[in-house]
Amino acid sequence: MSEVFRRRALFFPHAVEQNHFGAAAFRVEGRTFAQLSRDGATGLVKLPLGRQAWLMSEYADACEVEPHWGRHGWTRLWLDRMPEALSCDLLGISWRLGASRGLHAVLDRRPPDRDLAGQMSVSP
């Protein structure tokens, strides 16, 4: 599951992986949009607060609001409990929050293709 999360995070335009205290941090234009824990069990994404609240109500056993940073939308996903397609969608939301509108356009112009969760999509 962690390799799918990593590949999906790097799918986005200008996404890069960097070490962040031993964990993998995924950045776009200098901003972190996701992290993968050292053991690969959890991923961290930034969500609009309304989406975070919805996720907590629907998937309480698969995610948690990150202490301190959660008030800014940072949400921890337990990758073995979270549906793969949903975690991929959440990565897309998080990337869009970090990327400039110009990069949104690059992603939106990509032809439809199978995403890493096996779904047909234009954008994650």
PDB file of N, CA and C in Angstrom:
ATOM      1  N   MET A   1       0.811  -1.193   0.000  1.00  0.00           N
ATOM      2  CA  MET A   1       0.000   0.000   0.000  1.00  0.00           C
ATOM      3  C   MET A   1       0.860   1.265   0.000  1.00  0.00           C
ATOM      4  N   SER A   2       1.973   1.226   0.721  1.00  0.00           N
ATOM      5  CA  SER A   2       2.820   2.417   0.783  1.00  0.00           C
ATOM      6  C   SER A   2       3.438   2.737  -0.576  1.00  0.00           C
ATOM      7  N   GLU A   3       3.747   1.707  -1.370  1.00  0.00           N
ATOM      8  CA  GLU A   3       4.321   1.971  -2.696  1.00  0.00           C
ATOM      9  C   GLU A   3       3.290   2.598  -3.624  1.00  0.00           C
ATOM     10  N   VAL A   4       2.033   2.207  -3.501  1.00  0.00           N
ATOM     11  CA  VAL A   4       0.977   2.844  -4.293  1.00  0.00           C
ATOM     12  C   VAL A   4       0.858   4.311  -3.884  1.00  0.00           C
ATOM     13  N   PHE A   5       0.876   4.576  -2.593  1.00  0.00           N
ATOM     14  CA  PHE A   5       0.796   5.954  -2.096  1.00  0.00           C
ATOM     15  C   PHE A   5       1.968   6.773  -2.641  1.00  0.00           C
ATOM     16  N   ARG A   6       3.165   6.220  -2.586  1.00  0.00           N
ATOM     17  CA  ARG A   6       4.362   6.917  -3.086  1.00  0.00           C
ATOM     18  C   ARG A   6       4.242   7.181  -4.593  1.00  0.00           C
ATOM     19  N   ARG A   7       3.903   6.149  -5.370  1.00  0.00           N
ATOM     20  CA  ARG A   7       3.791   6.324  -6.827  1.00  0.00           C
ATOM     21  C   ARG A   7       2.710   7.339  -7.173  1.00  0.00           C
ATOM     22  N   ARG A   8       1.614   7.277  -6.445  1.00  0.00           N
ATOM     23  CA  ARG A   8       0.520   8.207  -6.720  1.00  0.00           C
ATOM     24  C   ARG A   8       0.943   9.643  -6.391  1.00  0.00           C
ATOM     25  N   ALA A   9       1.632   9.836  -5.286  1.00  0.00           N
ATOM     26  CA  ALA A   9       2.087  11.183  -4.925  1.00  0.00           C
ATOM     27  C   ALA A   9       3.030  11.741  -5.992  1.00  0.00           C
ATOM     28  N   LEU A  10       3.870  10.890  -6.544  1.00  0.00           N
ATOM     29  CA  LEU A  10       4.838  11.334  -7.555  1.00  0.00           C
ATOM     30  C   LEU A  10       4.236  11.436  -8.949  1.00  0.00           C
ATOM     31  N   PHE A  11       2.995  11.001  -9.124  1.00  0.00           N
ATOM     32  CA  PHE A  11       2.266  11.089 -10.386  1.00  0.00           C
ATOM     33  C   PHE A  11       1.986  12.542 -10.767  1.00  0.00           C
ATOM     34  N   PHE A  12       1.836  13.399  -9.774  1.00  0.00           N
ATOM     35  CA  PHE A  12       1.410  14.770 -10.023  1.00  0.00           C
ATOM     36  C   PHE A  12       2.540  15.619 -10.599  1.00  0.00           C
ATOM     37  N   PRO A  13       2.195  16.585 -11.468  1.00  0.00           N
ATOM     38  CA  PRO A  13       3.216  17.446 -12.063  1.00  0.00           C
ATOM     39  C   PRO A  13       4.083  18.129 -11.002  1.00  0.00           C
ATOM     40  N   HIS A  14       5.380  18.091 -11.227  1.00  0.00           N
ATOM     41  CA  HIS A  14       6.384  18.763 -10.393  1.00  0.00           C
ATOM     42  C   HIS A  14       6.463  18.226  -8.968  1.00  0.00           C
ATOM     43  N   ALA A  15       5.879  17.065  -8.712  1.00  0.00           N
ATOM     44  CA  ALA A  15       5.978  16.463  -7.378  1.00  0.00           C
ATOM     45  C   ALA A  15       7.369  15.866  -7.202  1.00  0.00           C
ATOM     46  N   VAL A  16       7.951  16.101  -6.040  1.00  0.00           N
ATOM     47  CA  VAL A  16       9.261  15.544  -5.705  1.00  0.00           C
ATOM     48  C   VAL A  16       9.180  14.921  -4.317  1.00  0.00           C
ATOM     49  N   GLU A  17      10.035  13.935  -4.098  1.00  0.00           N
ATOM     50  CA  GLU A  17      10.120  13.284  -2.798  1.00  0.00           C
ATOM     51  C   GLU A  17      11.388  13.746  -2.098  1.00  0.00           C
ATOM     52  N   GLN A  18      11.259  14.101  -0.838  1.00  0.00           N
ATOM     53  CA  GLN A  18      12.403  14.512  -0.030  1.00  0.00           C
ATOM     54  C   GLN A  18      12.315  13.853   1.338  1.00  0.00           C
ATOM     55  N   ASN A  19      13.461  13.674   1.949  1.00  0.00           N
ATOM     56  CA  ASN A  19      13.519  13.127   3.298  1.00  0.00           C
ATOM     57  C   ASN A  19      13.085  14.203   4.292  1.00  0.00           C
ATOM     58  N   HIS A  20      12.215  13.810   5.208  1.00  0.00           N
ATOM     59  CA  HIS A  20      11.781  14.720   6.272  1.00  0.00           C
ATOM     60  C   HIS A  20      11.883  13.971   7.597  1.00  0.00           C
ATOM     61  N   PHE A  21      13.042  14.074   8.241  1.00  0.00           N
ATOM     62  CA  PHE A  21      13.303  13.377   9.505  1.00  0.00           C
ATOM     63  C   PHE A  21      13.067  11.875   9.375  1.00  0.00           C
ATOM     64  N   GLY A  22      13.499  11.302   8.273  1.00  0.00           N
ATOM     65  CA  GLY A  22      13.393   9.867   8.056  1.00  0.00           C
ATOM     66  C   GLY A  22      12.122   9.421   7.368  1.00  0.00           C
ATOM     67  N   ALA A  23      11.168  10.304   7.222  1.00  0.00           N
ATOM     68  CA  ALA A  23       9.928   9.986   6.513  1.00  0.00           C
ATOM     69  C   ALA A  23      10.003  10.595   5.110  1.00  0.00           C
ATOM     70  N   ALA A  24       9.209  10.067   4.208  1.00  0.00           N
ATOM     71  CA  ALA A  24       9.153  10.608   2.848  1.00  0.00           C
ATOM     72  C   ALA A  24       8.160  11.765   2.815  1.00  0.00           C
ATOM     73  N   ALA A  25       8.626  12.927   2.386  1.00  0.00           N
ATOM     74  CA  ALA A  25       7.761  14.092   2.215  1.00  0.00           C
ATOM     75  C   ALA A  25       7.633  14.362   0.724  1.00  0.00           C
ATOM     76  N   PHE A  26       6.420  14.632   0.281  1.00  0.00           N
ATOM     77  CA  PHE A  26       6.153  14.914  -1.127  1.00  0.00           C
ATOM     78  C   PHE A  26       5.795  16.387  -1.236  1.00  0.00           C
ATOM     79  N   ARG A  27       6.518  17.056  -2.137  1.00  0.00           N
ATOM     80  CA  ARG A  27       6.391  18.502  -2.242  1.00  0.00           C
ATOM     81  C   ARG A  27       6.092  18.909  -3.679  1.00  0.00           C
ATOM     82  N   VAL A  28       5.419  20.040  -3.802  1.00  0.00           N
ATOM     83  CA  VAL A  28       5.189  20.667  -5.093  1.00  0.00           C
ATOM     84  C   VAL A  28       5.462  22.153  -4.915  1.00  0.00           C
ATOM     85  N   GLU A  29       6.300  22.695  -5.776  1.00  0.00           N
ATOM     86  CA  GLU A  29       6.651  24.116  -5.723  1.00  0.00           C
ATOM     87  C   GLU A  29       7.092  24.533  -4.313  1.00  0.00           C
ATOM     88  N   GLY A  30       7.843  23.645  -3.661  1.00  0.00           N
ATOM     89  CA  GLY A  30       8.392  23.946  -2.351  1.00  0.00           C
ATOM     90  C   GLY A  30       7.452  23.719  -1.182  1.00  0.00           C
ATOM     91  N   ARG A  31       6.212  23.308  -1.459  1.00  0.00           N
ATOM     92  CA  ARG A  31       5.240  23.091  -0.384  1.00  0.00           C
ATOM     93  C   ARG A  31       4.959  21.607  -0.207  1.00  0.00           C
ATOM     94  N   THR A  32       4.939  21.164   1.032  1.00  0.00           N
ATOM     95  CA  THR A  32       4.612  19.769   1.317  1.00  0.00           C
ATOM     96  C   THR A  32       3.121  19.553   1.100  1.00  0.00           C
ATOM     97  N   PHE A  33       2.781  18.508   0.338  1.00  0.00           N
ATOM     98  CA  PHE A  33       1.371  18.167   0.165  1.00  0.00           C
ATOM     99  C   PHE A  33       1.047  16.786   0.721  1.00  0.00           C
ATOM    100  N   ALA A  34       2.057  15.987   1.045  1.00  0.00           N
ATOM    101  CA  ALA A  34       1.806  14.663   1.624  1.00  0.00           C
ATOM    102  C   ALA A  34       3.079  14.143   2.267  1.00  0.00           C
ATOM    103  N   GLN A  35       2.898  13.181   3.156  1.00  0.00           N
ATOM    104  CA  GLN A  35       4.029  12.481   3.763  1.00  0.00           C
ATOM    105  C   GLN A  35       3.672  11.011   3.888  1.00  0.00           C
ATOM    106  N   LEU A  36       4.702  10.196   3.898  1.00  0.00           N
ATOM    107  CA  LEU A  36       4.572   8.760   4.120  1.00  0.00           C
ATOM    108  C   LEU A  36       5.425   8.428   5.332  1.00  0.00           C
ATOM    109  N   SER A  37       4.836   7.753   6.314  1.00  0.00           N
ATOM    110  CA  SER A  37       5.565   7.452   7.551  1.00  0.00           C
ATOM    111  C   SER A  37       6.761   6.551   7.273  1.00  0.00           C
ATOM    112  N   ARG A  38       7.697   6.536   8.191  1.00  0.00           N
ATOM    113  CA  ARG A  38       8.911   5.719   8.039  1.00  0.00           C
ATOM    114  C   ARG A  38       8.583   4.252   7.805  1.00  0.00           C
ATOM    115  N   ASP A  39       7.588   3.746   8.517  1.00  0.00           N
ATOM    116  CA  ASP A  39       7.236   2.328   8.379  1.00  0.00           C
ATOM    117  C   ASP A  39       6.267   2.070   7.226  1.00  0.00           C
ATOM    118  N   GLY A  40       5.795   3.117   6.564  1.00  0.00           N
ATOM    119  CA  GLY A  40       4.898   2.968   5.426  1.00  0.00           C
ATOM    120  C   GLY A  40       3.463   2.641   5.797  1.00  0.00           C
ATOM    121  N   ALA A  41       3.136   2.653   7.072  1.00  0.00           N
ATOM    122  CA  ALA A  41       1.786   2.292   7.506  1.00  0.00           C
ATOM    123  C   ALA A  41       0.784   3.425   7.331  1.00  0.00           C
ATOM    124  N   THR A  42       1.266   4.667   7.396  1.00  0.00           N
ATOM    125  CA  THR A  42       0.350   5.799   7.309  1.00  0.00           C
ATOM    126  C   THR A  42       0.838   6.831   6.306  1.00  0.00           C
ATOM    127  N   GLY A  43      -0.129   7.552   5.766  1.00  0.00           N
ATOM    128  CA  GLY A  43       0.146   8.684   4.907  1.00  0.00           C
ATOM    129  C   GLY A  43      -0.491   9.916   5.518  1.00  0.00           C
ATOM    130  N   LEU A  44       0.033  11.066   5.187  1.00  0.00           N
ATOM    131  CA  LEU A  44      -0.470  12.325   5.715  1.00  0.00           C
ATOM    132  C   LEU A  44      -0.828  13.210   4.534  1.00  0.00           C
ATOM    133  N   VAL A  45      -2.041  13.755   4.542  1.00  0.00           N
ATOM    134  CA  VAL A  45      -2.494  14.645   3.476  1.00  0.00           C
ATOM    135  C   VAL A  45      -3.132  15.880   4.097  1.00  0.00           C
ATOM    136  N   LYS A  46      -3.166  16.955   3.333  1.00  0.00           N
ATOM    137  CA  LYS A  46      -3.826  18.184   3.775  1.00  0.00           C
ATOM    138  C   LYS A  46      -5.154  18.294   3.040  1.00  0.00           C
ATOM    139  N   LEU A  47      -6.219  18.525   3.801  1.00  0.00           N
ATOM    140  CA  LEU A  47      -7.561  18.579   3.234  1.00  0.00           C
ATOM    141  C   LEU A  47      -8.277  19.852   3.674  1.00  0.00           C
ATOM    142  N   PRO A  48      -9.252  20.304   2.882  1.00  0.00           N
ATOM    143  CA  PRO A  48     -10.124  21.365   3.387  1.00  0.00           C
ATOM    144  C   PRO A  48     -10.816  20.850   4.655  1.00  0.00           C
ATOM    145  N   LEU A  49     -11.075  21.730   5.600  1.00  0.00           N
ATOM    146  CA  LEU A  49     -11.613  21.287   6.885  1.00  0.00           C
ATOM    147  C   LEU A  49     -12.952  20.561   6.748  1.00  0.00           C
ATOM    148  N   GLY A  50     -13.774  20.961   5.807  1.00  0.00           N
ATOM    149  CA  GLY A  50     -15.047  20.268   5.584  1.00  0.00           C
ATOM    150  C   GLY A  50     -14.837  18.841   5.103  1.00  0.00           C
ATOM    151  N   ARG A  51     -13.870  18.645   4.217  1.00  0.00           N
ATOM    152  CA  ARG A  51     -13.559  17.298   3.723  1.00  0.00           C
ATOM    153  C   ARG A  51     -12.956  16.463   4.844  1.00  0.00           C
ATOM    154  N   GLN A  52     -12.131  17.087   5.667  1.00  0.00           N
ATOM    155  CA  GLN A  52     -11.543  16.383   6.806  1.00  0.00           C
ATOM    156  C   GLN A  52     -12.648  15.900   7.756  1.00  0.00           C
ATOM    157  N   ALA A  53     -13.618  16.760   8.043  1.00  0.00           N
ATOM    158  CA  ALA A  53     -14.723  16.390   8.933  1.00  0.00           C
ATOM    159  C   ALA A  53     -15.538  15.247   8.337  1.00  0.00           C
ATOM    160  N   TRP A  54     -15.814  15.316   7.033  1.00  0.00           N
ATOM    161  CA  TRP A  54     -16.544  14.234   6.371  1.00  0.00           C
ATOM    162  C   TRP A  54     -15.772  12.922   6.478  1.00  0.00           C
ATOM    163  N   LEU A  55     -14.479  12.976   6.203  1.00  0.00           N
ATOM    164  CA  LEU A  55     -13.649  11.776   6.249  1.00  0.00           C
ATOM    165  C   LEU A  55     -13.669  11.165   7.646  1.00  0.00           C
ATOM    166  N   MET A  56     -13.566  11.999   8.662  1.00  0.00           N
ATOM    167  CA  MET A  56     -13.589  11.507  10.037  1.00  0.00           C
ATOM    168  C   MET A  56     -14.927  10.859  10.374  1.00  0.00           C
ATOM    169  N   SER A  57     -16.013  11.373   9.825  1.00  0.00           N
ATOM    170  CA  SER A  57     -17.326  10.786  10.125  1.00  0.00           C
ATOM    171  C   SER A  57     -17.560   9.485   9.368  1.00  0.00           C
ATOM    172  N   GLU A  58     -17.013   9.368   8.171  1.00  0.00           N
ATOM    173  CA  GLU A  58     -17.246   8.182   7.338  1.00  0.00           C
ATOM    174  C   GLU A  58     -16.196   7.089   7.516  1.00  0.00           C
ATOM    175  N   TYR A  59     -14.978   7.460   7.853  1.00  0.00           N
ATOM    176  CA  TYR A  59     -13.857   6.506   7.930  1.00  0.00           C
ATOM    177  C   TYR A  59     -13.060   6.697   9.220  1.00  0.00           C
ATOM    178  N   ALA A  60     -13.760   6.813  10.335  1.00  0.00           N
ATOM    179  CA  ALA A  60     -13.104   7.108  11.619  1.00  0.00           C
ATOM    180  C   ALA A  60     -12.057   6.073  12.001  1.00  0.00           C
ATOM    181  N   ASP A  61     -12.226   4.831  11.564  1.00  0.00           N
ATOM    182  CA  ASP A  61     -11.254   3.784  11.910  1.00  0.00           C
ATOM    183  C   ASP A  61     -10.039   3.784  10.989  1.00  0.00           C
ATOM    184  N   ALA A  62     -10.066   4.618   9.947  1.00  0.00           N
ATOM    185  CA  ALA A  62      -8.989   4.606   8.956  1.00  0.00           C
ATOM    186  C   ALA A  62      -8.218   5.919   8.885  1.00  0.00           C
ATOM    187  N   CYS A  63      -8.577   6.885   9.730  1.00  0.00           N
ATOM    188  CA  CYS A  63      -7.882   8.173   9.676  1.00  0.00           C
ATOM    189  C   CYS A  63      -7.983   8.873  11.020  1.00  0.00           C
ATOM    190  N   GLU A  64      -7.160   9.882  11.181  1.00  0.00           N
ATOM    191  CA  GLU A  64      -7.228  10.715  12.384  1.00  0.00           C
ATOM    192  C   GLU A  64      -6.722  12.108  12.052  1.00  0.00           C
ATOM    193  N   VAL A  65      -7.249  13.073  12.769  1.00  0.00           N
ATOM    194  CA  VAL A  65      -6.780  14.448  12.624  1.00  0.00           C
ATOM    195  C   VAL A  65      -5.402  14.521  13.264  1.00  0.00           C
ATOM    196  N   GLU A  66      -4.453  15.035  12.534  1.00  0.00           N
ATOM    197  CA  GLU A  66      -3.073  15.119  13.021  1.00  0.00           C
ATOM    198  C   GLU A  66      -2.997  16.105  14.190  1.00  0.00           C
ATOM    199  N   PRO A  67      -2.375  15.701  15.319  1.00  0.00           N
ATOM    200  CA  PRO A  67      -2.246  16.630  16.451  1.00  0.00           C
ATOM    201  C   PRO A  67      -1.550  17.928  16.010  1.00  0.00           C
ATOM    202  N   HIS A  68      -2.018  19.023  16.501  1.00  0.00           N
ATOM    203  CA  HIS A  68      -1.488  20.372  16.262  1.00  0.00           C
ATOM    204  C   HIS A  68      -1.751  20.851  14.837  1.00  0.00           C
ATOM    205  N   TRP A  69      -1.326  20.105  13.818  1.00  0.00           N
ATOM    206  CA  TRP A  69      -1.471  20.539  12.426  1.00  0.00           C
ATOM    207  C   TRP A  69      -2.846  20.213  11.863  1.00  0.00           C
ATOM    208  N   GLY A  70      -3.619  19.422  12.558  1.00  0.00           N
ATOM    209  CA  GLY A  70      -4.945  19.041  12.088  1.00  0.00           C
ATOM    210  C   GLY A  70      -5.881  20.216  11.903  1.00  0.00           C
ATOM    211  N   ARG A  71      -5.698  21.251  12.683  1.00  0.00           N
ATOM    212  CA  ARG A  71      -6.567  22.430  12.538  1.00  0.00           C
ATOM    213  C   ARG A  71      -6.339  23.137  11.204  1.00  0.00           C
ATOM    214  N   HIS A  72      -5.247  22.786  10.526  1.00  0.00           N
ATOM    215  CA  HIS A  72      -4.966  23.321   9.188  1.00  0.00           C
ATOM    216  C   HIS A  72      -5.335  22.308   8.108  1.00  0.00           C
ATOM    217  N   GLY A  73      -5.958  21.205   8.494  1.00  0.00           N
ATOM    218  CA  GLY A  73      -6.422  20.214   7.532  1.00  0.00           C
ATOM    219  C   GLY A  73      -5.580  18.961   7.422  1.00  0.00           C
ATOM    220  N   TRP A  74      -4.450  18.892   8.117  1.00  0.00           N
ATOM    221  CA  TRP A  74      -3.580  17.722   7.997  1.00  0.00           C
ATOM    222  C   TRP A  74      -4.240  16.510   8.646  1.00  0.00           C
ATOM    223  N   THR A  75      -4.328  15.443   7.871  1.00  0.00           N
ATOM    224  CA  THR A  75      -5.063  14.245   8.261  1.00  0.00           C
ATOM    225  C   THR A  75      -4.217  13.014   7.998  1.00  0.00           C
ATOM    226  N   ARG A  76      -4.110  12.140   8.995  1.00  0.00           N
ATOM    227  CA  ARG A  76      -3.337  10.900   8.867  1.00  0.00           C
ATOM    228  C   ARG A  76      -4.253   9.788   8.374  1.00  0.00           C
ATOM    229  N   LEU A  77      -3.788   9.052   7.363  1.00  0.00           N
ATOM    230  CA  LEU A  77      -4.532   7.931   6.785  1.00  0.00           C
ATOM    231  C   LEU A  77      -3.832   6.629   7.135  1.00  0.00           C
ATOM    232  N   TRP A  78      -4.555   5.665   7.673  1.00  0.00           N
ATOM    233  CA  TRP A  78      -4.017   4.317   7.893  1.00  0.00           C
ATOM    234  C   TRP A  78      -4.209   3.584   6.575  1.00  0.00           C
ATOM    235  N   LEU A  79      -3.137   3.400   5.834  1.00  0.00           N
ATOM    236  CA  LEU A  79      -3.220   2.941   4.450  1.00  0.00           C
ATOM    237  C   LEU A  79      -3.806   1.545   4.305  1.00  0.00           C
ATOM    238  N   ASP A  80      -3.640   0.680   5.291  1.00  0.00           N
ATOM    239  CA  ASP A  80      -4.214  -0.665   5.183  1.00  0.00           C
ATOM    240  C   ASP A  80      -5.712  -0.677   5.479  1.00  0.00           C
ATOM    241  N   ARG A  81      -6.254   0.405   5.998  1.00  0.00           N
ATOM    242  CA  ARG A  81      -7.683   0.484   6.330  1.00  0.00           C
ATOM    243  C   ARG A  81      -8.464   1.395   5.390  1.00  0.00           C
ATOM    244  N   MET A  82      -7.768   2.274   4.711  1.00  0.00           N
ATOM    245  CA  MET A  82      -8.401   3.258   3.833  1.00  0.00           C
ATOM    246  C   MET A  82      -8.559   2.660   2.437  1.00  0.00           C
ATOM    247  N   PRO A  83      -9.750   2.774   1.821  1.00  0.00           N
ATOM    248  CA  PRO A  83      -9.881   2.301   0.440  1.00  0.00           C
ATOM    249  C   PRO A  83      -8.834   2.978  -0.457  1.00  0.00           C
ATOM    250  N   GLU A  84      -8.175   2.172  -1.274  1.00  0.00           N
ATOM    251  CA  GLU A  84      -7.072   2.682  -2.097  1.00  0.00           C
ATOM    252  C   GLU A  84      -7.510   3.821  -3.010  1.00  0.00           C
ATOM    253  N   ALA A  85      -8.659   3.675  -3.646  1.00  0.00           N
ATOM    254  CA  ALA A  85      -9.127   4.727  -4.550  1.00  0.00           C
ATOM    255  C   ALA A  85      -9.368   6.030  -3.791  1.00  0.00           C
ATOM    256  N   LEU A  86      -9.876   5.930  -2.572  1.00  0.00           N
ATOM    257  CA  LEU A  86     -10.116   7.132  -1.773  1.00  0.00           C
ATOM    258  C   LEU A  86      -8.802   7.787  -1.366  1.00  0.00           C
ATOM    259  N   SER A  87      -7.829   7.011  -0.943  1.00  0.00           N
ATOM    260  CA  SER A  87      -6.542   7.618  -0.569  1.00  0.00           C
ATOM    261  C   SER A  87      -5.909   8.310  -1.774  1.00  0.00           C
ATOM    262  N   CYS A  88      -6.083   7.752  -2.966  1.00  0.00           N
ATOM    263  CA  CYS A  88      -5.571   8.403  -4.180  1.00  0.00           C
ATOM    264  C   CYS A  88      -6.294   9.721  -4.436  1.00  0.00           C
ATOM    265  N   ASP A  89      -7.621   9.726  -4.264  1.00  0.00           N
ATOM    266  CA  ASP A  89      -8.381  10.966  -4.437  1.00  0.00           C
ATOM    267  C   ASP A  89      -7.939  12.028  -3.430  1.00  0.00           C
ATOM    268  N   LEU A  90      -7.701  11.606  -2.198  1.00  0.00           N
ATOM    269  CA  LEU A  90      -7.285  12.553  -1.159  1.00  0.00           C
ATOM    270  C   LEU A  90      -5.908  13.135  -1.457  1.00  0.00           C
ATOM    271  N   LEU A  91      -5.023  12.335  -2.032  1.00  0.00           N
ATOM    272  CA  LEU A  91      -3.720  12.859  -2.463  1.00  0.00           C
ATOM    273  C   LEU A  91      -3.909  13.951  -3.513  1.00  0.00           C
ATOM    274  N   GLY A  92      -4.839  13.736  -4.423  1.00  0.00           N
ATOM    275  CA  GLY A  92      -5.112  14.737  -5.453  1.00  0.00           C
ATOM    276  C   GLY A  92      -5.609  16.044  -4.868  1.00  0.00           C
ATOM    277  N   ILE A  93      -6.486  15.945  -3.892  1.00  0.00           N
ATOM    278  CA  ILE A  93      -6.987  17.148  -3.219  1.00  0.00           C
ATOM    279  C   ILE A  93      -5.834  17.872  -2.533  1.00  0.00           C
ATOM    280  N   SER A  94      -5.012  17.120  -1.838  1.00  0.00           N
ATOM    281  CA  SER A  94      -3.883  17.704  -1.116  1.00  0.00           C
ATOM    282  C   SER A  94      -2.897  18.367  -2.080  1.00  0.00           C
ATOM    283  N   TRP A  95      -2.606  17.703  -3.204  1.00  0.00           N
ATOM    284  CA  TRP A  95      -1.696  18.283  -4.196  1.00  0.00           C
ATOM    285  C   TRP A  95      -2.256  19.609  -4.709  1.00  0.00           C
ATOM    286  N   ARG A  96      -3.546  19.642  -5.008  1.00  0.00           N
ATOM    287  CA  ARG A  96      -4.162  20.870  -5.526  1.00  0.00           C
ATOM    288  C   ARG A  96      -4.082  22.014  -4.516  1.00  0.00           C
ATOM    289  N   LEU A  97      -4.140  21.691  -3.229  1.00  0.00           N
ATOM    290  CA  LEU A  97      -4.008  22.745  -2.216  1.00  0.00           C
ATOM    291  C   LEU A  97      -2.601  23.333  -2.192  1.00  0.00           C
ATOM    292  N   GLY A  98      -1.603  22.546  -2.574  1.00  0.00           N
ATOM    293  CA  GLY A  98      -0.225  23.024  -2.557  1.00  0.00           C
ATOM    294  C   GLY A  98       0.261  23.596  -3.867  1.00  0.00           C
ATOM    295  N   ALA A  99      -0.333  23.181  -4.968  1.00  0.00           N
ATOM    296  CA  ALA A  99       0.144  23.573  -6.298  1.00  0.00           C
ATOM    297  C   ALA A  99      -0.502  24.873  -6.770  1.00  0.00           C
ATOM    298  N   SER A 100       0.217  25.579  -7.624  1.00  0.00           N
ATOM    299  CA  SER A 100      -0.321  26.804  -8.218  1.00  0.00           C
ATOM    300  C   SER A 100      -1.402  26.459  -9.239  1.00  0.00           C
ATOM    301  N   ARG A 101      -2.215  27.434  -9.573  1.00  0.00           N
ATOM    302  CA  ARG A 101      -3.271  27.209 -10.571  1.00  0.00           C
ATOM    303  C   ARG A 101      -2.690  26.814 -11.922  1.00  0.00           C
ATOM    304  N   GLY A 102      -1.515  27.342 -12.227  1.00  0.00           N
ATOM    305  CA  GLY A 102      -0.870  26.963 -13.483  1.00  0.00           C
ATOM    306  C   GLY A 102      -0.599  25.474 -13.555  1.00  0.00           C
ATOM    307  N   LEU A 103      -0.189  24.887 -12.439  1.00  0.00           N
ATOM    308  CA  LEU A 103       0.030  23.438 -12.415  1.00  0.00           C
ATOM    309  C   LEU A 103      -1.286  22.677 -12.438  1.00  0.00           C
ATOM    310  N   HIS A 104      -2.346  23.246 -11.862  1.00  0.00           N
ATOM    311  CA  HIS A 104      -3.659  22.603 -11.967  1.00  0.00           C
ATOM    312  C   HIS A 104      -3.997  22.423 -13.444  1.00  0.00           C
ATOM    313  N   ALA A 105      -3.723  23.457 -14.235  1.00  0.00           N
ATOM    314  CA  ALA A 105      -4.030  23.397 -15.663  1.00  0.00           C
ATOM    315  C   ALA A 105      -3.221  22.306 -16.355  1.00  0.00           C
ATOM    316  N   VAL A 106      -1.969  22.125 -15.970  1.00  0.00           N
ATOM    317  CA  VAL A 106      -1.140  21.059 -16.553  1.00  0.00           C
ATOM    318  C   VAL A 106      -1.778  19.706 -16.271  1.00  0.00           C
ATOM    319  N   LEU A 107      -2.207  19.498 -15.050  1.00  0.00           N
ATOM    320  CA  LEU A 107      -2.838  18.230 -14.693  1.00  0.00           C
ATOM    321  C   LEU A 107      -4.161  18.058 -15.429  1.00  0.00           C
ATOM    322  N   ASP A 108      -4.938  19.113 -15.508  1.00  0.00           N
ATOM    323  CA  ASP A 108      -6.249  19.026 -16.148  1.00  0.00           C
ATOM    324  C   ASP A 108      -6.160  18.769 -17.647  1.00  0.00           C
ATOM    325  N   ARG A 109      -5.023  19.117 -18.273  1.00  0.00           N
ATOM    326  CA  ARG A 109      -4.852  18.880 -19.714  1.00  0.00           C
ATOM    327  C   ARG A 109      -4.383  17.469 -20.026  1.00  0.00           C
ATOM    328  N   ARG A 110      -3.983  16.709 -19.023  1.00  0.00           N
ATOM    329  CA  ARG A 110      -3.524  15.337 -19.277  1.00  0.00           C
ATOM    330  C   ARG A 110      -4.672  14.522 -19.853  1.00  0.00           C
ATOM    331  N   PRO A 111      -4.373  13.665 -20.825  1.00  0.00           N
ATOM    332  CA  PRO A 111      -5.442  12.830 -21.383  1.00  0.00           C
ATOM    333  C   PRO A 111      -5.923  11.819 -20.347  1.00  0.00           C
ATOM    334  N   PRO A 112      -7.185  11.378 -20.476  1.00  0.00           N
ATOM    335  CA  PRO A 112      -7.680  10.360 -19.550  1.00  0.00           C
ATOM    336  C   PRO A 112      -6.784   9.126 -19.587  1.00  0.00           C
ATOM    337  N   ASP A 113      -6.565   8.558 -18.448  1.00  0.00           N
ATOM    338  CA  ASP A 113      -5.708   7.380 -18.338  1.00  0.00           C
ATOM    339  C   ASP A 113      -6.120   6.636 -17.086  1.00  0.00           C
ATOM    340  N   ARG A 114      -5.669   5.423 -16.980  1.00  0.00           N
ATOM    341  CA  ARG A 114      -5.952   4.685 -15.750  1.00  0.00           C
ATOM    342  C   ARG A 114      -5.037   5.214 -14.660  1.00  0.00           C
ATOM    343  N   ASP A 115      -5.662   5.582 -13.560  1.00  0.00           N
ATOM    344  CA  ASP A 115      -4.837   6.048 -12.453  1.00  0.00           C
ATOM    345  C   ASP A 115      -4.278   4.838 -11.718  1.00  0.00           C
ATOM    346  N   LEU A 116      -3.501   5.089 -10.698  1.00  0.00           N
ATOM    347  CA  LEU A 116      -2.817   4.002 -10.007  1.00  0.00           C
ATOM    348  C   LEU A 116      -3.744   3.144  -9.173  1.00  0.00           C
ATOM    349  N   ALA A 117      -4.964   3.599  -8.940  1.00  0.00           N
ATOM    350  CA  ALA A 117      -5.935   2.768  -8.232  1.00  0.00           C
ATOM    351  C   ALA A 117      -6.737   1.929  -9.221  1.00  0.00           C
ATOM    352  N   GLY A 118      -6.457   2.082 -10.524  1.00  0.00           N
ATOM    353  CA  GLY A 118      -7.147   1.296 -11.538  1.00  0.00           C
ATOM    354  C   GLY A 118      -8.440   1.914 -12.028  1.00  0.00           C
ATOM    355  N   GLN A 119      -8.739   3.118 -11.604  1.00  0.00           N
ATOM    356  CA  GLN A 119      -9.958   3.803 -12.006  1.00  0.00           C
ATOM    357  C   GLN A 119      -9.681   4.627 -13.263  1.00  0.00           C
ATOM    358  N   MET A 120     -10.715   4.832 -14.070  1.00  0.00           N
ATOM    359  CA  MET A 120     -10.577   5.746 -15.191  1.00  0.00           C
ATOM    360  C   MET A 120     -10.770   7.157 -14.656  1.00  0.00           C
ATOM    361  N   SER A 121      -9.844   8.041 -14.965  1.00  0.00           N
ATOM    362  CA  SER A 121      -9.979   9.402 -14.468  1.00  0.00           C
ATOM    363  C   SER A 121      -9.182  10.357 -15.338  1.00  0.00           C
ATOM    364  N   VAL A 122      -9.569  11.618 -15.276  1.00  0.00           N
ATOM    365  CA  VAL A 122      -8.817  12.674 -15.940  1.00  0.00           C
ATOM    366  C   VAL A 122      -7.865  13.293 -14.939  1.00  0.00           C
ATOM    367  N   SER A 123      -8.341  13.514 -13.743  1.00  0.00           N
ATOM    368  CA  SER A 123      -7.491  14.059 -12.687  1.00  0.00           C
ATOM    369  C   SER A 123      -7.791  13.316 -11.399  1.00  0.00           C
ATOM    370  N   PRO A 124      -6.800  13.197 -10.549  1.00  0.00           N
ATOM    371  CA  PRO A 124      -6.994  12.455  -9.299  1.00  0.00           C
ATOM    372  C   PRO A 124      -7.871  13.192  -8.315  1.00  0.00           C
TER     373      PRO A 124
END
